[in-house]
Amino acid sequence: MSSPAEFYNSLPPLSKAYGTTCLIFTTAVQLGLLDWMLIALSYKLAFSRFQVWRLITNFFFLGKFSINFGIRLLMM
């Protein structure tokens, strides 16, 4: 594979969707468009205040941009 676009296009659809969603959520948090506390997993808020999105969205935030972020994204 000679380019990142070819690598991305060669990924299975589920991996492509999950990786893209992780990139979007992490970018939104890093740019200040989304507060990480709104997507953090809190069972108390998820079940007592019915914020059920917390049960799913916490898997899409991979932390701050760093070499570890890139490695996590590639390991999917």
N, C-alpha and C. Protein backbone atom coordinates (compact mmCIF):
# COMPACT_ATOMS: atom_id res chain seq x y z
N MET A 1 0.84 -1.17 0.00
CA MET A 1 0.00 0.00 0.00
C MET A 1 0.88 1.24 0.00
N SER A 2 0.63 2.10 -0.93
CA SER A 2 1.52 3.23 -1.09
C SER A 2 1.01 4.52 -0.46
N SER A 3 -0.24 4.55 -0.04
CA SER A 3 -0.74 5.79 0.54
C SER A 3 -1.70 5.49 1.70
N PRO A 4 -1.89 6.47 2.58
CA PRO A 4 -2.85 6.28 3.67
C PRO A 4 -4.28 6.08 3.16
N ALA A 5 -4.61 6.69 2.04
CA ALA A 5 -5.96 6.52 1.48
C ALA A 5 -6.20 5.08 1.05
N GLU A 6 -5.20 4.45 0.46
CA GLU A 6 -5.34 3.05 0.06
C GLU A 6 -5.47 2.15 1.28
N PHE A 7 -4.70 2.45 2.34
CA PHE A 7 -4.81 1.68 3.58
C PHE A 7 -6.21 1.82 4.17
N TYR A 8 -6.72 3.05 4.22
CA TYR A 8 -8.06 3.30 4.77
C TYR A 8 -9.12 2.58 3.95
N ASN A 9 -9.02 2.63 2.65
CA ASN A 9 -10.00 1.98 1.78
C ASN A 9 -9.92 0.46 1.85
N SER A 10 -8.79 -0.08 2.28
CA SER A 10 -8.66 -1.54 2.37
C SER A 10 -9.22 -2.10 3.68
N LEU A 11 -9.58 -1.22 4.62
CA LEU A 11 -10.11 -1.68 5.91
C LEU A 11 -11.52 -2.23 5.76
N PRO A 12 -11.90 -3.18 6.62
CA PRO A 12 -13.29 -3.66 6.62
C PRO A 12 -14.23 -2.53 7.05
N PRO A 13 -15.48 -2.56 6.62
CA PRO A 13 -16.41 -1.47 6.92
C PRO A 13 -16.58 -1.19 8.42
N LEU A 14 -16.63 -2.22 9.24
CA LEU A 14 -16.83 -2.00 10.68
C LEU A 14 -15.61 -1.32 11.30
N SER A 15 -14.43 -1.74 10.93
CA SER A 15 -13.20 -1.10 11.43
C SER A 15 -13.09 0.34 10.95
N LYS A 16 -13.49 0.56 9.72
CA LYS A 16 -13.45 1.90 9.15
C LYS A 16 -14.42 2.82 9.90
N ALA A 17 -15.62 2.34 10.18
CA ALA A 17 -16.62 3.13 10.89
C ALA A 17 -16.18 3.42 12.32
N TYR A 18 -15.67 2.40 13.01
CA TYR A 18 -15.23 2.59 14.39
C TYR A 18 -14.03 3.54 14.47
N GLY A 19 -13.07 3.37 13.60
CA GLY A 19 -11.89 4.24 13.60
C GLY A 19 -12.24 5.68 13.28
N THR A 20 -13.12 5.88 12.32
CA THR A 20 -13.55 7.23 11.96
C THR A 20 -14.30 7.88 13.10
N THR A 21 -15.17 7.12 13.76
CA THR A 21 -15.92 7.65 14.90
C THR A 21 -14.98 8.01 16.05
N CYS A 22 -13.99 7.17 16.31
CA CYS A 22 -13.00 7.48 17.35
C CYS A 22 -12.25 8.76 17.01
N LEU A 23 -11.86 8.91 15.77
CA LEU A 23 -11.14 10.10 15.35
C LEU A 23 -12.01 11.35 15.50
N ILE A 24 -13.28 11.25 15.15
CA ILE A 24 -14.20 12.39 15.26
C ILE A 24 -14.41 12.78 16.72
N PHE A 25 -14.69 11.81 17.58
CA PHE A 25 -14.92 12.11 19.00
C PHE A 25 -13.68 12.70 19.65
N THR A 26 -12.52 12.11 19.39
CA THR A 26 -11.28 12.59 19.99
C THR A 26 -10.94 13.99 19.49
N THR A 27 -11.14 14.24 18.21
CA THR A 27 -10.88 15.57 17.66
C THR A 27 -11.83 16.60 18.25
N ALA A 28 -13.10 16.24 18.40
CA ALA A 28 -14.08 17.17 18.98
C ALA A 28 -13.72 17.52 20.42
N VAL A 29 -13.27 16.55 21.18
CA VAL A 29 -12.86 16.83 22.57
C VAL A 29 -11.61 17.69 22.59
N GLN A 30 -10.64 17.39 21.75
CA GLN A 30 -9.38 18.15 21.73
C GLN A 30 -9.59 19.60 21.27
N LEU A 31 -10.55 19.83 20.38
CA LEU A 31 -10.83 21.19 19.90
C LEU A 31 -11.77 21.95 20.82
N GLY A 32 -12.28 21.30 21.85
CA GLY A 32 -13.18 21.95 22.79
C GLY A 32 -14.62 22.01 22.32
N LEU A 33 -14.96 21.27 21.28
CA LEU A 33 -16.33 21.25 20.78
C LEU A 33 -17.23 20.33 21.60
N LEU A 34 -16.62 19.42 22.34
CA LEU A 34 -17.34 18.43 23.13
C LEU A 34 -16.61 18.26 24.45
N ASP A 35 -17.36 18.31 25.55
CA ASP A 35 -16.75 18.10 26.86
C ASP A 35 -16.63 16.61 27.12
N TRP A 36 -15.44 16.16 27.53
CA TRP A 36 -15.22 14.73 27.73
C TRP A 36 -16.09 14.19 28.86
N MET A 37 -16.54 15.05 29.76
CA MET A 37 -17.39 14.59 30.85
C MET A 37 -18.79 14.19 30.36
N LEU A 38 -19.17 14.65 29.18
CA LEU A 38 -20.47 14.27 28.62
C LEU A 38 -20.46 12.87 28.03
N ILE A 39 -19.27 12.35 27.71
CA ILE A 39 -19.20 11.01 27.13
C ILE A 39 -18.53 10.01 28.04
N ALA A 40 -18.05 10.47 29.20
CA ALA A 40 -17.39 9.57 30.15
C ALA A 40 -18.40 8.58 30.73
N LEU A 41 -17.93 7.37 31.01
CA LEU A 41 -18.79 6.34 31.57
C LEU A 41 -19.02 6.60 33.05
N SER A 42 -20.28 6.83 33.39
CA SER A 42 -20.70 7.00 34.78
C SER A 42 -21.99 6.21 34.93
N TYR A 43 -21.90 5.09 35.64
CA TYR A 43 -23.09 4.26 35.80
C TYR A 43 -24.19 4.99 36.56
N LYS A 44 -23.80 5.83 37.51
CA LYS A 44 -24.79 6.58 38.28
C LYS A 44 -25.61 7.48 37.36
N LEU A 45 -24.94 8.24 36.50
CA LEU A 45 -25.65 9.12 35.58
C LEU A 45 -26.38 8.34 34.49
N ALA A 46 -25.80 7.24 34.07
CA ALA A 46 -26.42 6.45 33.00
C ALA A 46 -27.75 5.85 33.44
N PHE A 47 -27.81 5.38 34.67
CA PHE A 47 -29.01 4.69 35.11
C PHE A 47 -29.95 5.55 35.95
N SER A 48 -29.43 6.48 36.74
CA SER A 48 -30.32 7.30 37.57
C SER A 48 -30.90 8.47 36.79
N ARG A 49 -30.14 9.01 35.84
CA ARG A 49 -30.63 10.14 35.04
C ARG A 49 -30.93 9.73 33.60
N PHE A 50 -30.87 8.46 33.32
CA PHE A 50 -31.19 7.89 32.01
C PHE A 50 -30.35 8.49 30.88
N GLN A 51 -29.06 8.68 31.13
CA GLN A 51 -28.12 9.16 30.11
C GLN A 51 -27.45 7.94 29.49
N VAL A 52 -28.24 7.18 28.74
CA VAL A 52 -27.79 5.88 28.24
C VAL A 52 -26.69 5.99 27.17
N TRP A 53 -26.51 7.15 26.57
CA TRP A 53 -25.44 7.30 25.58
C TRP A 53 -24.07 7.07 26.21
N ARG A 54 -23.97 7.27 27.50
CA ARG A 54 -22.69 7.08 28.20
C ARG A 54 -22.22 5.62 28.14
N LEU A 55 -23.15 4.69 27.98
CA LEU A 55 -22.79 3.28 27.91
C LEU A 55 -22.10 2.94 26.59
N ILE A 56 -22.26 3.79 25.58
CA ILE A 56 -21.71 3.53 24.25
C ILE A 56 -20.58 4.50 23.89
N THR A 57 -20.80 5.79 24.15
CA THR A 57 -19.85 6.80 23.66
C THR A 57 -18.48 6.75 24.33
N ASN A 58 -18.38 6.15 25.50
CA ASN A 58 -17.08 6.11 26.17
C ASN A 58 -16.06 5.28 25.39
N PHE A 59 -16.52 4.38 24.55
CA PHE A 59 -15.61 3.54 23.76
C PHE A 59 -15.00 4.28 22.57
N PHE A 60 -15.51 5.47 22.26
CA PHE A 60 -15.05 6.22 21.09
C PHE A 60 -14.01 7.29 21.41
N PHE A 61 -13.73 7.54 22.67
CA PHE A 61 -12.73 8.55 23.04
C PHE A 61 -11.45 7.84 23.41
N LEU A 62 -10.37 8.13 22.71
CA LEU A 62 -9.10 7.43 22.91
C LEU A 62 -8.06 8.26 23.65
N GLY A 63 -8.42 9.40 24.17
CA GLY A 63 -7.47 10.23 24.91
C GLY A 63 -6.91 11.35 24.06
N LYS A 64 -5.90 12.01 24.61
CA LYS A 64 -5.27 13.13 23.91
C LYS A 64 -4.49 12.64 22.69
N PHE A 65 -4.29 13.57 21.74
CA PHE A 65 -3.48 13.26 20.58
C PHE A 65 -2.04 13.03 21.02
N SER A 66 -1.52 11.88 20.70
CA SER A 66 -0.14 11.53 21.04
C SER A 66 0.25 10.33 20.19
N ILE A 67 1.45 9.85 20.40
CA ILE A 67 1.88 8.64 19.68
C ILE A 67 1.03 7.45 20.13
N ASN A 68 0.63 7.43 21.39
CA ASN A 68 -0.23 6.35 21.88
C ASN A 68 -1.60 6.37 21.20
N PHE A 69 -2.13 7.57 20.94
CA PHE A 69 -3.39 7.69 20.22
C PHE A 69 -3.27 7.07 18.83
N GLY A 70 -2.19 7.41 18.14
CA GLY A 70 -1.97 6.86 16.80
C GLY A 70 -1.84 5.35 16.81
N ILE A 71 -1.14 4.83 17.80
CA ILE A 71 -0.98 3.37 17.89
C ILE A 71 -2.32 2.70 18.18
N ARG A 72 -3.11 3.27 19.10
CA ARG A 72 -4.43 2.69 19.40
C ARG A 72 -5.32 2.70 18.16
N LEU A 73 -5.26 3.78 17.40
CA LEU A 73 -6.07 3.88 16.20
C LEU A 73 -5.63 2.86 15.15
N LEU A 74 -4.35 2.64 15.02
CA LEU A 74 -3.85 1.66 14.05
C LEU A 74 -4.12 0.22 14.48
N MET A 75 -4.20 -0.04 15.77
CA MET A 75 -4.39 -1.40 16.26
C MET A 75 -5.82 -1.91 16.10
N MET A 76 -6.72 -1.06 15.66
CA MET A 76 -8.11 -1.50 15.51
C MET A 76 -8.23 -2.41 14.35
